[in-house]
């Protein structure tokens, strides 16, 4: 199934990859995907709803991966019996900017820039730099209530482009780059007090959050690569060229189901720039026919209650990725499972766009949508069935 997208969405996604207005453009492009009486048309019954922290708003920044990845770690704290703490996504993003800049310079500028990242970047930064509470490092200046990275992003990109044009690099370029981030986001504290005790980012990550980054595995599914083997996911935001375990299309949802059943949440990177994804109505599914083939009445009532779905094949999934119908737009956090009035299952998805939709920041995605539009998953390795762990050679 080859689903075409409007030029507007294509432009929005280009912006989403390289500029700080990414999520604003993306949300605006989805405003047409709305039905007036959607919530009344669905009757969801909760099956699983795992512990998670409050809904956040990433503001005018393309750092969804930092918000969803840290939300995932916060739920891991709950699963481990710890008191969860709101982890600073801006600390994660700031240090990722620096790591991306190093890679960009080493590649002589042949690398995507911007706010984008992948879920595993949260673990990379945790491992190298630690973590801090959200209240300790917000990236907000006095009077600001929402992050806006548009000016900073343009400046950092310009700096990087200028740096790589030099025939011989100055040893102080990283200091200058960090200073520019400090001017916009503030300096990262060397130490801070949390619940009456002094920590550094390293000791806070190790002693309070207490996860082991090596316990987590990235999962994806593409027919172009051998199944049950690692492969490098070729998307611009995989700037660190990390490998993912390649599973079969139905194993994507099997993995999520198994994880949720055993108390593990799942971080989810996906394509949301679809006519059948409605942030306002809080529903994502795969209609039987492409949007352009629906009647005007069918389009107007797309989200007014459950609809029949198409069955996606591995070949269709691969084709959609290869022709840019499926793009790496957004990171979210799968925290549970519901059934609609017809018995169809949907995942409960926690977003980072504030509480501006019908479900106060959450939404419901069908399993077929997840199988079709998933870019990657991040999950604890012990959430996998032993047989699958053996197939993937995960110890």
Protein backbone atom coordinates (compact mmCIF):
# COMPACT_ATOMS: atom_id res chain seq x y z
CA UNK A 1 0.00 0.00 0.00
CA UNK A 2 1.67 3.20 -1.19
CA UNK A 3 0.21 6.13 0.71
CA UNK A 4 1.11 9.52 -0.76
CA UNK A 5 1.55 12.60 1.42
CA UNK A 6 0.92 16.20 0.70
CA UNK A 7 3.74 18.58 -0.17
CA UNK A 8 2.92 20.43 3.00
CA UNK A 9 3.62 17.38 5.14
CA UNK A 10 6.83 16.67 3.25
CA UNK A 11 7.98 20.22 3.94
CA UNK A 12 6.98 19.90 7.56
CA UNK A 13 8.98 16.71 7.94
CA UNK A 14 12.05 18.25 6.31
CA UNK A 15 11.81 21.04 8.84
CA UNK A 16 11.27 18.51 11.60
CA UNK A 17 14.59 16.88 10.81
CA UNK A 18 16.70 20.02 10.88
CA UNK A 19 15.06 22.87 12.77
CA UNK A 20 13.77 23.59 16.26
CA UNK A 21 10.23 24.37 15.07
CA UNK A 22 9.84 20.71 14.20
CA UNK A 23 7.07 19.74 16.52
CA UNK A 24 5.11 22.98 16.06
CA UNK A 25 5.07 22.37 12.30
CA UNK A 26 4.18 18.73 12.77
CA UNK A 27 1.31 19.45 15.16
CA UNK A 28 -0.02 22.19 12.89
CA UNK A 29 0.08 19.82 9.92
CA UNK A 30 -2.11 17.38 11.86
CA UNK A 31 -4.81 19.86 12.83
CA UNK A 32 -6.94 18.82 9.88
CA UNK A 33 -6.98 15.22 11.16
CA UNK A 34 -9.95 15.82 13.47
CA UNK A 35 -13.45 14.49 13.92
CA UNK A 36 -15.93 16.41 16.02
CA UNK A 37 -17.47 13.52 17.96
CA UNK A 38 -14.57 11.11 18.17
CA UNK A 39 -14.47 10.56 21.92
CA UNK A 40 -18.17 9.70 22.04
CA UNK A 41 -17.64 7.08 19.34
CA UNK A 42 -15.06 5.04 21.26
CA UNK A 43 -15.65 3.04 24.42
CA UNK A 44 -12.27 1.97 25.71
CA UNK A 45 -11.87 -0.64 28.43
CA UNK A 46 -8.54 -0.67 30.23
CA UNK A 47 -6.63 -3.96 30.13
CA UNK A 48 -3.16 -2.86 31.30
CA UNK A 49 -2.07 0.57 32.53
CA UNK A 50 1.47 0.66 33.89
CA UNK A 51 2.94 3.32 36.12
CA UNK A 52 4.14 6.48 34.42
CA UNK A 53 4.86 10.06 35.37
CA UNK A 54 3.01 13.24 34.45
CA UNK A 55 2.48 14.49 30.90
CA UNK A 56 5.15 16.96 29.76
CA UNK A 57 5.26 19.60 27.00
CA UNK A 58 8.40 19.66 24.87
CA UNK A 59 7.59 23.16 23.64
CA UNK A 60 9.02 24.42 20.36
CA UNK A 61 11.78 21.85 20.14
CA UNK A 62 12.33 18.63 18.24
CA UNK A 63 13.45 16.75 21.35
CA UNK A 64 10.56 14.28 21.61
CA UNK A 65 13.09 11.44 21.84
CA UNK A 66 14.56 12.99 25.02
CA UNK A 67 11.10 13.36 26.57
CA UNK A 68 9.84 9.92 25.63
CA UNK A 69 13.15 8.23 26.44
CA UNK A 70 13.30 9.78 29.88
CA UNK A 71 9.62 9.05 30.48
CA UNK A 72 10.52 5.44 29.74
CA UNK A 73 13.32 5.55 32.35
CA UNK A 74 10.94 7.10 34.87
CA UNK A 75 8.58 4.16 34.38
CA UNK A 76 11.53 1.83 34.77
CA UNK A 77 12.11 3.40 38.19
CA UNK A 78 8.48 2.66 39.08
CA UNK A 79 8.83 -0.92 37.86
CA UNK A 80 11.92 -1.39 40.02
CA UNK A 81 10.05 -0.16 43.09
CA UNK A 82 11.76 3.22 43.22
CA UNK A 83 10.17 6.60 43.77
CA UNK A 84 10.22 8.11 40.27
CA UNK A 85 11.76 11.47 39.58
CA UNK A 86 11.07 13.72 36.60
CA UNK A 87 14.36 13.50 34.68
CA UNK A 88 15.57 16.57 32.79
CA UNK A 89 15.13 16.02 29.02
CA UNK A 90 17.01 19.27 28.39
CA UNK A 91 20.12 17.88 30.11
CA UNK A 92 19.87 14.89 27.78
CA UNK A 93 19.31 17.06 24.71
CA UNK A 94 22.13 19.50 25.57
CA UNK A 95 24.72 16.77 25.85
CA UNK A 96 23.40 15.09 22.71
CA UNK A 97 23.88 18.37 20.80
CA UNK A 98 27.54 18.26 21.80
CA UNK A 99 27.97 14.60 20.89
CA UNK A 100 26.26 15.18 17.54
CA UNK A 101 28.51 18.16 16.86
CA UNK A 102 31.61 16.02 17.44
CA UNK A 103 30.31 13.43 14.97
CA UNK A 104 29.35 16.15 12.48
CA UNK A 105 32.85 17.63 12.59
CA UNK A 106 34.54 14.25 12.32
CA UNK A 107 32.45 13.53 9.23
CA UNK A 108 33.45 16.89 7.72
CA UNK A 109 29.85 18.09 7.78
CA UNK A 110 28.31 15.06 6.07
CA UNK A 111 25.77 14.49 8.83
CA UNK A 112 22.27 15.68 9.68
CA UNK A 113 22.01 18.40 12.30
CA UNK A 114 19.05 19.79 14.23
CA UNK A 115 17.15 18.67 17.31
CA UNK A 116 16.47 15.12 16.17
CA UNK A 117 17.71 12.03 17.92
CA UNK A 118 16.84 8.46 18.72
CA UNK A 119 15.58 6.83 21.89
CA UNK A 120 18.93 5.15 22.53
CA UNK A 121 20.54 8.60 22.78
CA UNK A 122 18.98 8.89 26.23
CA UNK A 123 20.96 5.84 27.31
CA UNK A 124 24.12 7.11 25.61
CA UNK A 125 23.97 10.37 27.55
CA UNK A 126 23.02 8.58 30.77
CA UNK A 127 26.07 6.34 30.41
CA UNK A 128 28.53 9.15 29.63
CA UNK A 129 27.16 12.20 31.48
CA UNK A 130 24.63 10.95 34.02
CA UNK A 131 21.30 12.67 34.61
CA UNK A 132 19.70 15.44 36.68
CA UNK A 133 16.15 16.16 37.86
CA UNK A 134 13.97 18.25 35.59
CA UNK A 135 13.70 21.05 38.16
CA UNK A 136 17.49 21.34 38.34
CA UNK A 137 18.00 21.94 34.62
CA UNK A 138 15.00 23.23 32.67
CA UNK A 139 16.72 25.21 29.92
CA UNK A 140 14.26 28.05 30.61
CA UNK A 141 15.19 31.68 31.03
CA UNK A 142 13.34 33.98 33.47
CA UNK A 143 9.85 34.57 32.14
CA UNK A 144 9.88 31.51 29.85
CA UNK A 145 7.36 28.73 30.40
CA UNK A 146 8.06 26.60 27.29
CA UNK A 147 11.32 25.73 25.60
CA UNK A 148 11.92 27.31 22.21
CA UNK A 149 15.08 26.17 20.45
CA UNK A 150 14.58 27.91 17.10
CA UNK A 151 17.20 30.63 17.52
CA UNK A 152 19.65 28.40 19.35
CA UNK A 153 19.32 25.64 16.77
CA UNK A 154 20.06 27.99 13.88
CA UNK A 155 23.08 29.41 15.70
CA UNK A 156 24.50 25.99 16.57
CA UNK A 157 24.05 24.78 13.01
CA UNK A 158 25.83 27.86 11.68
CA UNK A 159 28.68 27.34 14.11
CA UNK A 160 29.11 23.73 13.04
CA UNK A 161 29.07 24.63 9.37
CA UNK A 162 31.71 27.29 9.93
CA UNK A 163 33.88 24.98 12.01
CA UNK A 164 34.08 22.27 9.35
CA UNK A 165 35.14 24.80 6.70
CA UNK A 166 38.43 25.39 8.52
CA UNK A 167 41.44 23.54 7.17
CA UNK A 168 42.74 22.99 10.68
CA UNK A 169 40.40 22.96 13.66
CA UNK A 170 41.00 25.00 16.78
CA UNK A 171 41.23 22.89 19.94
CA UNK A 172 38.72 25.23 21.58
CA UNK A 173 35.80 24.78 19.17
CA UNK A 174 33.93 22.48 21.57
CA UNK A 175 34.33 25.04 24.37
CA UNK A 176 32.82 27.71 22.14
CA UNK A 177 29.98 25.39 21.12
CA UNK A 178 29.19 24.54 24.75
CA UNK A 179 29.29 28.22 25.69
CA UNK A 180 26.66 28.99 23.06
CA UNK A 181 24.38 26.34 24.56
CA UNK A 182 25.02 27.72 28.04
CA UNK A 183 23.90 31.16 26.84
CA UNK A 184 20.52 29.76 25.83
CA UNK A 185 19.97 26.90 28.26
CA UNK A 186 22.08 27.84 31.25
CA UNK A 187 25.12 26.04 32.60
CA UNK A 188 24.76 22.49 33.84
CA UNK A 189 25.38 22.45 37.61
CA UNK A 190 28.39 20.46 38.73
CA UNK A 191 26.44 19.46 41.84
CA UNK A 192 22.95 20.01 43.22
CA UNK A 193 20.75 19.09 46.15
CA UNK A 194 17.94 16.59 45.82
CA UNK A 195 15.82 15.64 48.82
CA UNK A 196 18.45 16.97 51.21
CA UNK A 197 21.42 15.19 49.67
CA UNK A 198 24.09 16.54 47.34
CA UNK A 199 24.64 14.81 44.01
CA UNK A 200 26.54 15.25 40.77
CA UNK A 201 24.87 14.22 37.51
CA UNK A 202 26.88 11.00 37.66
CA UNK A 203 25.99 10.06 41.24
CA UNK A 204 22.35 11.02 40.73
CA UNK A 205 22.09 8.74 37.70
CA UNK A 206 23.77 5.85 39.48
CA UNK A 207 22.32 6.17 42.96
CA UNK A 208 18.83 7.56 42.43
CA UNK A 209 17.73 6.46 38.95
CA UNK A 210 19.80 3.31 39.10
CA UNK A 211 19.27 1.75 35.69
CA UNK A 212 21.92 -0.10 33.70
CA UNK A 213 22.02 1.23 30.12
CA UNK A 214 23.36 -2.12 28.91
CA UNK A 215 20.08 -3.80 29.90
CA UNK A 216 18.14 -2.21 27.05
CA UNK A 217 17.81 -3.19 23.42
CA UNK A 218 16.71 -1.33 20.29
CA UNK A 219 14.29 -3.20 18.04
CA UNK A 220 13.12 -2.58 14.49
CA UNK A 221 11.69 -4.54 11.57
CA UNK A 222 12.64 -4.21 7.92
CA UNK A 223 12.42 -6.77 5.15
CA UNK A 224 15.59 -5.44 3.53
CA UNK A 225 17.79 -7.01 6.22
CA UNK A 226 18.15 -10.54 7.64
CA UNK A 227 15.74 -11.16 10.48
CA UNK A 228 17.04 -11.75 14.00
CA UNK A 229 20.31 -10.06 13.19
CA UNK A 230 21.52 -6.54 14.12
CA UNK A 231 21.56 -3.83 11.46
CA UNK A 232 22.27 -0.10 11.30
CA UNK A 233 19.01 1.83 10.95
CA UNK A 234 19.49 4.25 8.04
CA UNK A 235 17.66 7.37 9.17
CA UNK A 236 19.20 10.85 9.59
CA UNK A 237 18.51 10.96 13.32
CA UNK A 238 20.51 7.79 13.95
CA UNK A 239 23.55 10.06 13.96
CA UNK A 240 25.57 7.62 16.08
CA UNK A 241 24.99 4.74 13.63
CA UNK A 242 23.62 2.47 16.35
CA UNK A 243 22.54 -1.06 15.49
CA UNK A 244 19.03 -2.41 16.06
CA UNK A 245 17.80 -5.96 16.31
CA UNK A 246 15.73 -6.82 13.25
CA UNK A 247 12.56 -8.79 14.02
CA UNK A 248 9.61 -9.88 11.92
CA UNK A 249 6.66 -7.52 11.57
CA UNK A 250 4.32 -9.41 13.91
CA UNK A 251 7.09 -9.72 16.48
CA UNK A 252 6.97 -5.94 16.95
CA UNK A 253 3.58 -6.16 18.63
CA UNK A 254 4.38 -9.53 20.23
CA UNK A 255 7.32 -7.83 21.97
CA UNK A 256 5.16 -4.96 23.20
CA UNK A 257 2.43 -7.33 24.39
CA UNK A 258 4.89 -9.49 26.28
CA UNK A 259 6.54 -6.45 27.84
CA UNK A 260 3.28 -4.88 29.02
CA UNK A 261 2.00 -8.19 30.37
CA UNK A 262 5.11 -8.45 32.56
CA UNK A 263 5.16 -4.86 33.79
CA UNK A 264 7.59 -3.30 31.28
CA UNK A 265 6.72 -0.20 29.29
CA UNK A 266 8.15 0.41 25.81
CA UNK A 267 9.62 3.54 24.19
CA UNK A 268 8.32 3.97 20.64
CA UNK A 269 9.69 5.91 17.65
CA UNK A 270 7.18 6.18 14.83
CA UNK A 271 5.65 8.05 11.89
CA UNK A 272 2.80 10.36 12.94
CA UNK A 273 2.43 12.49 9.79
CA UNK A 274 -0.49 10.43 8.54
CA UNK A 275 -4.10 11.35 7.77
CA UNK A 276 -5.07 8.37 9.91
CA UNK A 277 -3.17 9.70 12.94
CA UNK A 278 -5.19 12.27 14.89
CA UNK A 279 -3.48 13.90 17.83
CA UNK A 280 -6.59 15.93 18.72
CA UNK A 281 -8.83 12.87 18.74
CA UNK A 282 -6.14 10.67 20.28
CA UNK A 283 -6.50 7.79 17.82
CA UNK A 284 -4.22 6.21 15.19
CA UNK A 285 -5.18 3.29 12.94
CA UNK A 286 -4.80 1.96 9.36
CA UNK A 287 -7.99 2.35 7.28
CA UNK A 288 -8.88 -0.32 4.76
CA UNK A 289 -8.40 2.20 1.93
CA UNK A 290 -5.89 5.03 1.55
CA UNK A 291 -7.26 8.38 2.68
CA UNK A 292 -7.44 9.69 -0.90
CA UNK A 293 -9.78 6.84 -1.86
CA UNK A 294 -12.24 7.53 0.95
CA UNK A 295 -15.43 9.45 0.26
CA UNK A 296 -15.86 12.90 1.77
CA UNK A 297 -18.23 11.42 4.35
CA UNK A 298 -15.76 8.68 5.23
CA UNK A 299 -12.98 11.23 5.64
CA UNK A 300 -15.13 13.44 7.86
CA UNK A 301 -16.01 10.49 10.10
CA UNK A 302 -12.60 8.82 10.07
CA UNK A 303 -12.19 9.04 13.85
CA UNK A 304 -15.84 8.83 14.92
CA UNK A 305 -15.64 5.33 16.35
CA UNK A 306 -13.81 2.10 15.39
CA UNK A 307 -13.26 1.33 11.70
CA UNK A 308 -12.10 -1.78 9.81
CA UNK A 309 -8.37 -1.90 9.15
CA UNK A 310 -6.04 -3.06 6.40
CA UNK A 311 -3.60 -5.90 7.05
CA UNK A 312 -0.04 -4.73 6.43
CA UNK A 313 2.59 -7.06 4.98
CA UNK A 314 6.35 -6.86 5.55
CA UNK A 315 6.74 -5.82 1.91
CA UNK A 316 4.29 -2.93 2.31
CA UNK A 317 6.07 -1.81 5.46
CA UNK A 318 9.44 -1.84 3.68
CA UNK A 319 8.06 -0.06 0.59
CA UNK A 320 6.54 2.70 2.72
CA UNK A 321 9.91 3.29 4.37
CA UNK A 322 11.80 3.24 1.08
CA UNK A 323 9.49 5.70 -0.72
CA UNK A 324 9.35 8.08 2.29
CA UNK A 325 5.70 7.34 3.03
CA UNK A 326 6.93 6.25 6.46
CA UNK A 327 9.26 8.76 8.06
CA UNK A 328 10.97 9.11 11.42
CA UNK A 329 8.77 11.81 12.97
CA UNK A 330 8.26 11.35 16.65
CA UNK A 331 9.08 9.48 19.85
CA UNK A 332 6.43 8.46 22.38
CA UNK A 333 5.98 6.02 25.26
CA UNK A 334 3.70 2.95 25.27
CA UNK A 335 2.39 2.42 28.80
CA UNK A 336 -0.63 0.14 28.50
CA UNK A 337 -3.35 -1.60 26.54
CA UNK A 338 -7.10 -1.05 26.05
CA UNK A 339 -9.93 -2.66 24.07
CA UNK A 340 -12.63 -0.79 22.20
CA UNK A 341 -16.32 -1.77 22.23
CA UNK A 342 -15.67 -4.32 19.46
CA UNK A 343 -12.82 -6.01 21.32
CA UNK A 344 -10.00 -4.56 19.19
CA UNK A 345 -6.83 -3.79 21.14
CA UNK A 346 -5.04 -0.44 21.15
CA UNK A 347 -1.88 0.62 22.94
CA UNK A 348 -2.03 3.46 25.43
CA UNK A 349 0.55 5.96 24.23
CA UNK A 350 1.94 8.79 26.35
CA UNK A 351 2.94 11.85 24.32
CA UNK A 352 4.95 15.00 25.11
CA UNK A 353 2.73 17.63 23.48
CA UNK A 354 1.05 18.70 26.71
CA UNK A 355 -2.57 17.90 27.56
CA UNK A 356 -4.04 19.50 24.45
CA UNK A 357 -5.99 16.55 23.05
CA UNK A 358 -9.17 14.63 23.94
CA UNK A 359 -7.32 12.29 26.32
CA UNK A 360 -5.21 14.85 28.21
CA UNK A 361 -1.89 13.94 26.61
CA UNK A 362 -2.46 10.24 25.94
CA UNK A 363 -3.70 8.53 22.80
CA UNK A 364 -4.62 5.10 21.46
CA UNK A 365 -2.84 3.36 18.58
CA UNK A 366 -3.98 0.09 17.02
CA UNK A 367 -1.60 -2.80 16.68
CA UNK A 368 -1.83 -2.59 12.89
CA UNK A 369 -0.70 1.05 13.01
CA UNK A 370 2.24 0.05 15.20
CA UNK A 371 3.20 -2.77 12.86
CA UNK A 372 3.01 -0.47 9.85
CA UNK A 373 4.53 2.78 11.10
CA UNK A 374 7.02 1.87 13.82
CA UNK A 375 10.57 3.07 13.25
CA UNK A 376 12.02 1.48 16.39
CA UNK A 377 11.32 0.28 19.91
CA UNK A 378 13.42 0.51 23.06
CA UNK A 379 12.76 -2.11 25.72
CA UNK A 380 14.43 -3.87 28.63
CA UNK A 381 16.04 -7.07 27.41
CA UNK A 382 14.30 -9.10 30.12
CA UNK A 383 10.94 -8.08 28.68
CA UNK A 384 11.68 -10.32 25.68
CA UNK A 385 10.60 -13.94 25.64
CA UNK A 386 13.53 -16.31 26.25
CA UNK A 387 13.11 -17.88 22.80
CA UNK A 388 13.38 -14.51 21.10
CA UNK A 389 16.37 -13.52 23.24
CA UNK A 390 18.10 -16.68 22.09
CA UNK A 391 17.29 -15.92 18.45
CA UNK A 392 18.75 -12.44 18.85
CA UNK A 393 21.76 -13.73 20.83
CA UNK A 394 20.97 -11.40 23.73
CA UNK A 395 22.39 -12.50 27.06
